[in-house]
Every structure is written in C-alpha cells, then in structure tokens.
Amino acid sequence: MEKNVKNRIKLILLNNIVPITFFVLTLGAVIAAKIPPLFLISEVVRRLSRNTFLVLALIIPVVAGLGLNFAIVLGAMAAQAALFFVVDWNITGVKGVLLSMIIASLLSIFLGWLVGLTLNRAKGREMITSMILGFFANGVYQLIFLFFIGSLIPFSKTDMLLPQGVGLRNTVDLYGTVAGALNDILVVNIKFINIFIIPLLFVVGLCLFITFLLKTKLGQDFKAVGQDMHIARTAGIDVDKTRIIAVIYSTVLAAIGQVIYLQDIGTINTYNSHEQIGLFSIAALLVGGASVRKASIWNAIIGVILFHTLFVVAPSAGNRLFGQPQIGEFFREFMAYAVIAFALAMHGWRARKAKH
C-alpha cells in the first residue's frame, strides 16, 4: 500500500515536473524581487486578458496531433497587416478592432490552408517545419512592408512611412485609433487593480468554444487523428483535411488574439512584434503542464499566470540579486527557450520509457 502511494506520488511529480519546477522558480523570483503584491496582481491580471487568447490558439493543433504550432506567427502577421490598413483608413475604436479581426481572419484562413498543406507533407516533423515556415513568412512580410508599401501598395498616411516614402516605420502608434478600444468598454477597478472585462470575455468565449468544438464530430476527428492517423484513416476520417482544418482554426484564433494583444499594448513594433509570439505562447502552454501530445484550457491559463508572473518580477529580481536589471531581461529570454527544451526533453524521455 505504502509502495503504491509512493509510486503514485512519483508519477504525479514526473508528469508535472515542468509546472512544479517553474512554480518554485517563480516563487523564488517573487520573494527576491519584493514587488508590492497589488502591483504584481494588477500586472498578471492584465497579461491574463492580453495573452491568454494567443496561448489558447495552440490547443487545437496539439489535440489533432500536429504538436506545438510555431506557425501561429503567420496569424500574428495577418493581424498586424490588418491593423496597418485600418489605421491608414482612419477607422477608430471598436469598429477598427472588429474590422481588423475580420480582415486578419480572412487572411489567416488562406495562410492556415497553406501551412496545413505544407505540414501534411512533413508528417512527423510538424514542429520544426512550422518553425521554418514562420521564418520564411517573416521574410515575405518584411519584403512587403519594407519595400512594397508606398511603392506598389498605396498608403495615404505619410507619417507612417519611412522618410523616402517607401516602407513602414519601425513603430506604428495605435493611440487615437484602436489602442485600448476593447479595454475601455468596461473596466472594473478593485483596489487599484484594473480588470478589463471585454478581453477576458473573449478568453472565456474561446474556452467555451474549444470545449464545445472538441465534443462535436469534428472535435472527435481531431482527437482520433491525434491519437493514431492510421486508425483514423481506417475509420473513414479524411486525415489530411482534418489536419488542415485544425491549422486554419489555430491561425485564425492567433490573428484575433494578436489584435487583442496589440490594442492593449497600443503600439506595433512593425518588424518585431510578431516574432516572439509563437515562442512565448508555446513556452507559456508548456509551463502550464501541456506536452507535444496533450494540452488543455487549464494548461494555458496556469501557464500564462506562471510564465508572466516570472516576466513581471525577473528584472526586479535580477536587480536585487545582481545589481543589474538587464540580467532579469536576459533571464526571461533564456527561460522561454529553456522551458521549451526541457518540456520536449521530458516528453521524449517519457515516450521512450513508455515504449520500453
């Protein structure tokens, strides 16, 4: 009996080694940083409403057996492209945000379809392929917005362009157009903690949508394909089509999530804002206890809380421990890669152990 209890505890610890390790690390950083609790809670709540939608966009591909979809950066690029034109057309407020979401979603359907076709030709190597696709798409994105805007593609707001009149500036300001458009609709203030209700309702709506989707016929197909493609094909499921649909869902949700994220930030770093979206979203999901083969809504929420708590306290912790806040910045970047490497290593170890 005692041996069974020990084995069960050992199994729980092994299965949750990533979130447990990160929780201990985050707790240590919080203690070292000595940040006021209200400020910390305020920052984490804001990041929860800002980032969770993007992390949730990763769940469907994991369920469908495509692993961690680094190609959500294509959805982020579509969102930024949509926002650039909405700002240029001077469509402000909620109308501007909703129009950006619609344009970004339409672009993302096409981009997701292309990504899905590519990943179907790289079965078993989806993650590295989606990462390379992200790099390739970034090159195309920079070509368009650095050389085509203002030359081949007309742009009326010259203050958004580089001095020579071709290419967008490094930073596009959203203040006065769509910045805070969703946040400002309904704000609840509790002891200096601002809770933006509408972005949180978007997150809750997506959680309900994913829960509902996974109970439908399509959701069951996602699960079947994720468990075993050969058996799913034998059961009459169009495996390739199902995988493409999963990627399209992920890309569209990432585009909507990036619009929510950027309206909260208030500025777009034209050539860099999208680059870290895939990395940090995947790291947050893994921190919450997800793996390459299994992910849930709770993994996403717990991961965002833990990962972004560390993001908030790392510079202060670095400053107090080493006298250099920049060390905290380096540590945050290092942790994002380290979490992904650690989670993938643990997944490989568990898979090999189960096989033997």
Protein backbone atom coordinates (compact mmCIF):
# COMPACT_ATOMS: atom_id res chain seq x y z
CA MET A 1 0.00 0.00 0.00
CA GLU A 2 2.76 2.38 1.01
CA LYS A 3 4.69 1.46 -2.14
CA ASN A 4 1.64 2.22 -4.30
CA VAL A 5 1.28 5.66 -2.68
CA LYS A 6 4.97 6.39 -3.28
CA ASN A 7 4.70 5.26 -6.92
CA ARG A 8 1.61 7.42 -7.40
CA ILE A 9 3.34 10.49 -5.93
CA LYS A 10 6.40 9.82 -8.07
CA LEU A 11 4.20 9.55 -11.18
CA ILE A 12 2.40 12.83 -10.38
CA LEU A 13 5.74 14.59 -9.85
CA LEU A 14 7.16 13.24 -13.12
CA ASN A 15 4.04 14.14 -15.11
CA ASN A 16 4.02 17.68 -13.71
CA ILE A 17 7.76 18.29 -13.43
CA VAL A 18 7.70 21.37 -15.72
CA PRO A 19 4.94 23.36 -13.93
CA ILE A 20 6.29 22.35 -10.49
CA THR A 21 9.84 23.45 -11.40
CA PHE A 22 8.56 26.71 -12.85
CA PHE A 23 6.32 27.37 -9.84
CA VAL A 24 9.30 27.01 -7.48
CA LEU A 25 11.41 29.26 -9.75
CA THR A 26 8.64 31.89 -9.97
CA LEU A 27 8.06 31.81 -6.20
CA GLY A 28 11.77 32.34 -5.59
CA ALA A 29 11.84 35.27 -8.04
CA VAL A 30 8.76 36.86 -6.39
CA ILE A 31 10.39 36.62 -2.95
CA ALA A 32 13.69 38.02 -4.29
CA ALA A 33 12.02 40.88 -6.24
CA LYS A 34 9.98 42.18 -3.27
CA ILE A 35 7.43 43.77 -5.62
CA PRO A 36 4.25 45.17 -3.98
CA PRO A 37 1.56 42.43 -4.14
CA LEU A 38 -1.12 44.74 -5.60
CA PHE A 39 1.17 45.83 -8.44
CA LEU A 40 2.08 42.20 -9.18
CA ILE A 41 -1.58 41.06 -9.20
CA SER A 42 -2.52 44.04 -11.41
CA GLU A 43 0.17 43.19 -13.97
CA VAL A 44 -0.65 39.46 -14.02
CA VAL A 45 -4.40 40.12 -14.43
CA ARG A 46 -3.69 42.46 -17.35
CA ARG A 47 -1.39 39.93 -19.01
CA LEU A 48 -4.00 37.23 -18.45
CA SER A 49 -6.52 39.23 -20.50
CA ARG A 50 -3.86 40.19 -23.07
CA ASN A 51 -2.00 36.94 -23.73
CA THR A 52 -4.32 34.01 -22.91
CA PHE A 53 -6.21 34.11 -26.22
CA LEU A 54 -2.93 33.58 -28.12
CA VAL A 55 -1.94 30.63 -25.92
CA LEU A 56 -5.38 29.02 -26.31
CA ALA A 57 -4.91 29.19 -30.10
CA LEU A 58 -2.27 26.43 -29.76
CA ILE A 59 -4.58 23.79 -28.23
CA ILE A 60 -6.43 22.50 -31.32
CA PRO A 61 -3.27 21.55 -33.32
CA VAL A 62 -1.90 19.69 -30.27
CA VAL A 63 -5.16 17.72 -29.95
CA ALA A 64 -5.03 16.96 -33.70
CA GLY A 65 -1.52 15.53 -33.39
CA LEU A 66 0.31 18.41 -35.08
CA GLY A 67 2.31 19.28 -31.97
CA LEU A 68 3.23 22.83 -30.99
CA ASN A 69 2.27 25.13 -33.85
CA PHE A 70 5.08 27.69 -34.22
CA ALA A 71 3.30 28.88 -37.38
CA ILE A 72 0.83 30.95 -35.31
CA VAL A 73 3.22 33.79 -36.13
CA LEU A 74 1.55 33.86 -39.57
CA GLY A 75 -1.74 34.70 -37.83
CA ALA A 76 0.07 37.43 -35.88
CA MET A 77 1.46 38.87 -39.14
CA ALA A 78 -2.03 38.86 -40.68
CA ALA A 79 -3.33 40.76 -37.62
CA GLN A 80 -0.61 43.39 -37.90
CA ALA A 81 -1.19 43.81 -41.63
CA ALA A 82 -4.91 44.31 -40.98
CA LEU A 83 -4.20 46.88 -38.25
CA PHE A 84 -1.83 48.85 -40.50
CA PHE A 85 -4.55 49.33 -43.11
CA VAL A 86 -7.28 50.04 -40.56
CA VAL A 87 -5.09 52.80 -39.07
CA ASP A 88 -4.35 54.11 -42.57
CA TRP A 89 -8.11 54.21 -43.33
CA ASN A 90 -8.60 56.05 -40.02
CA ILE A 91 -11.23 53.62 -38.70
CA THR A 92 -11.16 54.05 -34.95
CA GLY A 93 -12.44 52.45 -31.75
CA VAL A 94 -14.32 49.15 -31.58
CA LYS A 95 -15.18 49.37 -35.31
CA GLY A 96 -11.49 49.45 -36.14
CA VAL A 97 -10.73 46.46 -33.87
CA LEU A 98 -13.59 44.37 -35.28
CA LEU A 99 -12.68 45.24 -38.89
CA SER A 100 -9.05 44.28 -38.12
CA MET A 101 -10.23 40.94 -36.74
CA ILE A 102 -12.35 40.25 -39.84
CA ILE A 103 -9.57 41.15 -42.32
CA ALA A 104 -6.97 39.24 -40.27
CA SER A 105 -9.25 36.18 -40.07
CA LEU A 106 -9.79 36.13 -43.85
CA LEU A 107 -6.04 36.39 -44.46
CA SER A 108 -5.41 33.71 -41.82
CA ILE A 109 -7.80 31.23 -43.43
CA PHE A 110 -5.68 31.37 -46.59
CA LEU A 111 -2.37 31.28 -44.69
CA GLY A 112 -3.58 28.44 -42.44
CA TRP A 113 -4.60 26.44 -45.51
CA LEU A 114 -1.10 26.87 -46.99
CA VAL A 115 0.53 25.89 -43.69
CA GLY A 116 -1.77 22.85 -43.37
CA LEU A 117 -0.86 21.67 -46.89
CA THR A 118 2.84 22.02 -46.07
CA LEU A 119 2.56 20.20 -42.72
CA ASN A 120 0.71 17.33 -44.39
CA ARG A 121 3.83 16.80 -46.50
CA ALA A 122 6.01 16.79 -43.38
CA LYS A 123 4.18 14.33 -41.12
CA GLY A 124 6.23 13.55 -38.02
CA ARG A 125 8.26 16.76 -38.41
CA GLU A 126 5.46 19.31 -37.98
CA MET A 127 7.05 21.43 -35.25
CA ILE A 128 10.36 22.15 -36.96
CA THR A 129 8.51 22.64 -40.26
CA SER A 130 6.11 25.17 -38.71
CA MET A 131 9.08 26.99 -37.16
CA ILE A 132 10.85 27.24 -40.54
CA LEU A 133 7.57 28.37 -42.16
CA GLY A 134 7.43 31.16 -39.59
CA PHE A 135 10.94 32.32 -40.57
CA PHE A 136 10.09 32.15 -44.28
CA ALA A 137 6.82 34.07 -43.79
CA ASN A 138 8.71 36.71 -41.79
CA GLY A 139 10.95 37.31 -44.81
CA VAL A 140 7.93 37.75 -47.09
CA TYR A 141 6.26 40.04 -44.51
CA GLN A 142 9.35 42.26 -44.29
CA LEU A 143 9.62 42.40 -48.09
CA ILE A 144 6.01 43.61 -48.36
CA PHE A 145 6.07 46.20 -45.58
CA LEU A 146 9.62 47.43 -46.17
CA PHE A 147 9.62 47.70 -49.98
CA PHE A 148 6.07 47.36 -51.37
CA ILE A 149 4.19 49.73 -49.04
CA GLY A 150 4.29 53.22 -50.54
CA SER A 151 5.53 51.94 -53.91
CA LEU A 152 3.34 49.10 -55.21
CA ILE A 153 0.79 49.35 -52.39
CA PRO A 154 -0.60 52.89 -51.85
CA PHE A 155 -0.61 54.29 -48.32
CA SER A 156 -2.27 57.61 -47.51
CA LYS A 157 -0.72 58.35 -44.10
CA THR A 158 2.77 59.50 -45.00
CA ASP A 159 3.73 59.94 -41.31
CA MET A 160 3.60 56.13 -41.01
CA LEU A 161 6.11 55.73 -43.85
CA LEU A 162 9.91 55.96 -43.81
CA PRO A 163 11.41 59.33 -44.89
CA GLN A 164 11.90 58.16 -48.50
CA GLY A 165 8.15 57.42 -48.73
CA VAL A 166 8.58 53.64 -49.14
CA GLY A 167 8.19 51.13 -46.30
CA LEU A 168 6.57 51.43 -42.89
CA ARG A 169 8.35 52.98 -39.93
CA ASN A 170 9.70 50.69 -37.19
CA THR A 171 6.88 51.67 -34.84
CA VAL A 172 3.22 52.30 -35.65
CA ASP A 173 1.26 54.16 -32.98
CA LEU A 174 -2.28 52.90 -32.34
CA TYR A 175 -3.21 55.67 -29.89
CA GLY A 176 -6.07 57.76 -31.24
CA THR A 177 -7.27 54.86 -33.41
CA VAL A 178 -7.72 51.40 -31.86
CA ALA A 179 -5.48 51.45 -28.76
CA GLY A 180 -7.45 50.30 -25.71
CA ALA A 181 -10.69 50.12 -27.71
CA LEU A 182 -11.74 46.81 -26.10
CA ASN A 183 -10.19 47.58 -22.72
CA ASP A 184 -12.06 50.86 -22.26
CA ILE A 185 -15.58 49.48 -22.88
CA LEU A 186 -15.90 48.03 -19.39
CA VAL A 187 -13.29 48.35 -16.64
CA VAL A 188 -13.71 47.08 -13.07
CA ASN A 189 -11.39 48.65 -10.51
CA ILE A 190 -10.64 46.69 -7.32
CA LYS A 191 -8.06 48.31 -5.02
CA PHE A 192 -6.05 49.87 -7.90
CA ILE A 193 -6.31 46.65 -9.93
CA ASN A 194 -7.90 47.37 -13.32
CA ILE A 195 -9.75 44.37 -14.76
CA PHE A 196 -10.59 44.74 -18.45
CA ILE A 197 -13.79 42.77 -18.82
CA ILE A 198 -14.21 42.58 -22.62
CA PRO A 199 -10.81 40.95 -23.40
CA LEU A 200 -11.49 38.49 -20.55
CA LEU A 201 -14.92 37.74 -22.07
CA PHE A 202 -13.16 36.98 -25.37
CA VAL A 203 -10.95 34.50 -23.46
CA VAL A 204 -13.94 32.91 -21.70
CA GLY A 205 -15.80 32.73 -25.04
CA LEU A 206 -12.84 30.95 -26.65
CA CYS A 207 -12.61 28.49 -23.73
CA LEU A 208 -16.31 27.64 -24.19
CA PHE A 209 -15.87 27.40 -27.97
CA ILE A 210 -12.92 24.97 -27.67
CA THR A 211 -14.81 22.86 -25.11
CA PHE A 212 -17.85 22.73 -27.40
CA LEU A 213 -15.78 22.08 -30.55
CA LEU A 214 -13.95 19.09 -29.03
CA LYS A 215 -17.32 17.47 -28.26
CA THR A 216 -18.56 17.75 -31.85
CA LYS A 217 -17.92 15.29 -34.69
CA LEU A 218 -15.06 17.49 -35.93
CA GLY A 219 -13.56 17.59 -32.43
CA GLN A 220 -13.73 13.80 -32.17
CA ASP A 221 -11.99 13.62 -35.56
CA PHE A 222 -9.22 15.90 -34.21
CA LYS A 223 -8.74 13.55 -31.25
CA ALA A 224 -8.79 10.41 -33.41
CA VAL A 225 -6.22 11.83 -35.84
CA GLY A 226 -4.08 12.99 -32.91
CA GLN A 227 -4.07 9.54 -31.32
CA ASP A 228 -3.36 7.48 -34.44
CA MET A 229 -3.55 8.66 -38.05
CA HIS A 230 -3.63 5.13 -39.47
CA ILE A 231 -6.58 4.03 -37.32
CA ALA A 232 -8.37 7.34 -38.04
CA ARG A 233 -7.92 6.80 -41.78
CA THR A 234 -9.22 3.23 -41.45
CA ALA A 235 -12.28 4.61 -39.62
CA GLY A 236 -13.08 6.76 -42.67
CA ILE A 237 -11.72 10.10 -41.45
CA ASP A 238 -10.07 12.34 -44.05
CA VAL A 239 -6.84 12.79 -42.08
CA ASP A 240 -5.21 15.44 -44.29
CA LYS A 241 -8.35 17.59 -44.43
CA THR A 242 -8.85 17.34 -40.65
CA ARG A 243 -5.26 18.43 -40.00
CA ILE A 244 -5.64 21.41 -42.37
CA ILE A 245 -8.84 22.49 -40.58
CA ALA A 246 -7.00 22.29 -37.22
CA VAL A 247 -4.21 24.54 -38.52
CA ILE A 248 -6.71 27.02 -40.01
CA TYR A 249 -8.52 27.26 -36.66
CA SER A 250 -5.21 27.86 -34.89
CA THR A 251 -4.05 30.54 -37.35
CA VAL A 252 -7.37 32.43 -37.29
CA LEU A 253 -7.51 32.37 -33.47
CA ALA A 254 -3.90 33.58 -33.32
CA ALA A 255 -4.79 36.50 -35.60
CA ILE A 256 -7.71 37.52 -33.38
CA GLY A 257 -5.51 37.06 -30.30
CA GLN A 258 -2.81 39.31 -31.78
CA VAL A 259 -5.37 42.08 -32.41
CA ILE A 260 -6.48 41.82 -28.75
CA TYR A 261 -2.82 41.87 -27.66
CA LEU A 262 -1.85 44.90 -29.77
CA GLN A 263 -4.88 47.03 -28.89
CA ASP A 264 -3.81 46.53 -25.27
CA ILE A 265 -0.13 47.38 -25.95
CA GLY A 266 -1.05 50.47 -28.01
CA THR A 267 1.88 50.33 -30.44
CA ILE A 268 3.08 47.91 -33.10
CA ASN A 269 6.78 47.19 -33.48
CA THR A 270 6.38 46.73 -37.25
CA TYR A 271 9.16 44.25 -37.85
CA ASN A 272 9.44 42.53 -34.44
CA SER A 273 6.05 42.40 -32.64
CA HIS A 274 5.11 39.06 -34.19
CA GLU A 275 8.48 37.31 -33.88
CA GLN A 276 8.27 36.26 -30.22
CA ILE A 277 4.53 35.46 -30.22
CA GLY A 278 5.00 31.79 -31.12
CA LEU A 279 7.92 31.27 -28.75
CA PHE A 280 6.35 32.90 -25.68
CA SER A 281 2.88 31.40 -26.27
CA ILE A 282 4.32 27.89 -26.62
CA ALA A 283 6.54 28.39 -23.56
CA ALA A 284 3.51 29.53 -21.52
CA LEU A 285 1.47 26.49 -22.62
CA LEU A 286 4.30 24.11 -21.69
CA VAL A 287 4.81 25.85 -18.33
CA GLY A 288 1.15 25.07 -17.59
CA GLY A 289 1.83 21.33 -17.93
CA ALA A 290 1.00 20.71 -21.59
CA SER A 291 3.09 18.46 -23.81
CA VAL A 292 3.57 17.87 -27.52
CA ARG A 293 0.66 15.38 -27.48
CA LYS A 294 -1.65 16.76 -24.81
CA ALA A 295 -2.91 20.26 -23.96
CA SER A 296 -5.94 21.66 -22.18
CA ILE A 297 -7.53 25.03 -21.40
CA TRP A 298 -6.26 24.83 -17.81
CA ASN A 299 -2.71 24.24 -19.06
CA ALA A 300 -2.99 27.52 -20.99
CA ILE A 301 -4.41 29.55 -18.09
CA ILE A 302 -2.00 28.21 -15.45
CA GLY A 303 0.90 28.65 -17.88
CA VAL A 304 0.07 32.29 -18.60
CA ILE A 305 -0.17 33.06 -14.87
CA LEU A 306 3.16 31.38 -14.00
CA PHE A 307 5.10 32.47 -17.09
CA HIS A 308 4.01 36.11 -16.97
CA THR A 309 4.44 36.37 -13.21
CA LEU A 310 8.09 35.50 -13.79
CA PHE A 311 8.18 38.01 -16.65
CA VAL A 312 6.98 40.77 -14.32
CA VAL A 313 9.35 40.01 -11.43
CA ALA A 314 12.50 38.93 -13.33
CA PRO A 315 14.03 42.42 -13.88
CA SER A 316 13.47 43.42 -10.22
CA ALA A 317 14.80 40.06 -9.02
CA GLY A 318 17.87 40.45 -11.26
CA ASN A 319 18.44 43.97 -9.93
CA ARG A 320 18.17 42.93 -6.27
CA LEU A 321 20.30 39.79 -6.61
CA PHE A 322 22.99 41.04 -9.01
CA GLY A 323 22.56 44.82 -9.14
CA GLN A 324 21.73 44.59 -12.86
CA PRO A 325 18.08 44.68 -14.06
CA GLN A 326 19.33 43.69 -17.54
CA ILE A 327 20.20 40.24 -16.14
CA GLY A 328 16.48 39.75 -15.48
CA GLU A 329 15.73 40.62 -19.11
CA PHE A 330 18.29 38.06 -20.35
CA PHE A 331 16.90 35.53 -17.87
CA ARG A 332 13.35 35.92 -19.26
CA GLU A 333 14.54 35.21 -22.80
CA PHE A 334 16.66 32.29 -21.61
CA MET A 335 13.73 30.80 -19.66
CA ALA A 336 11.42 30.84 -22.70
CA TYR A 337 13.85 28.66 -24.67
CA ALA A 338 14.81 26.57 -21.64
CA VAL A 339 11.18 25.68 -20.85
CA ILE A 340 10.56 24.51 -24.43
CA ALA A 341 13.78 22.45 -24.47
CA PHE A 342 13.07 20.96 -21.03
CA ALA A 343 9.45 20.08 -21.88
CA LEU A 344 10.44 18.46 -25.19
CA ALA A 345 13.23 16.52 -23.49
CA MET A 346 10.81 15.27 -20.80
CA HIS A 347 8.27 14.31 -23.45
CA GLY A 348 10.92 12.33 -25.36
CA TRP A 349 12.10 10.63 -22.16
CA ARG A 350 8.55 9.65 -21.14
CA ALA A 351 7.74 8.36 -24.65
CA ARG A 352 10.92 6.26 -24.71
CA LYS A 353 10.20 4.92 -21.20
CA ALA A 354 6.60 4.00 -22.15
CA LYS A 355 7.85 2.24 -25.30
CA HIS A 356 10.32 0.12 -23.31
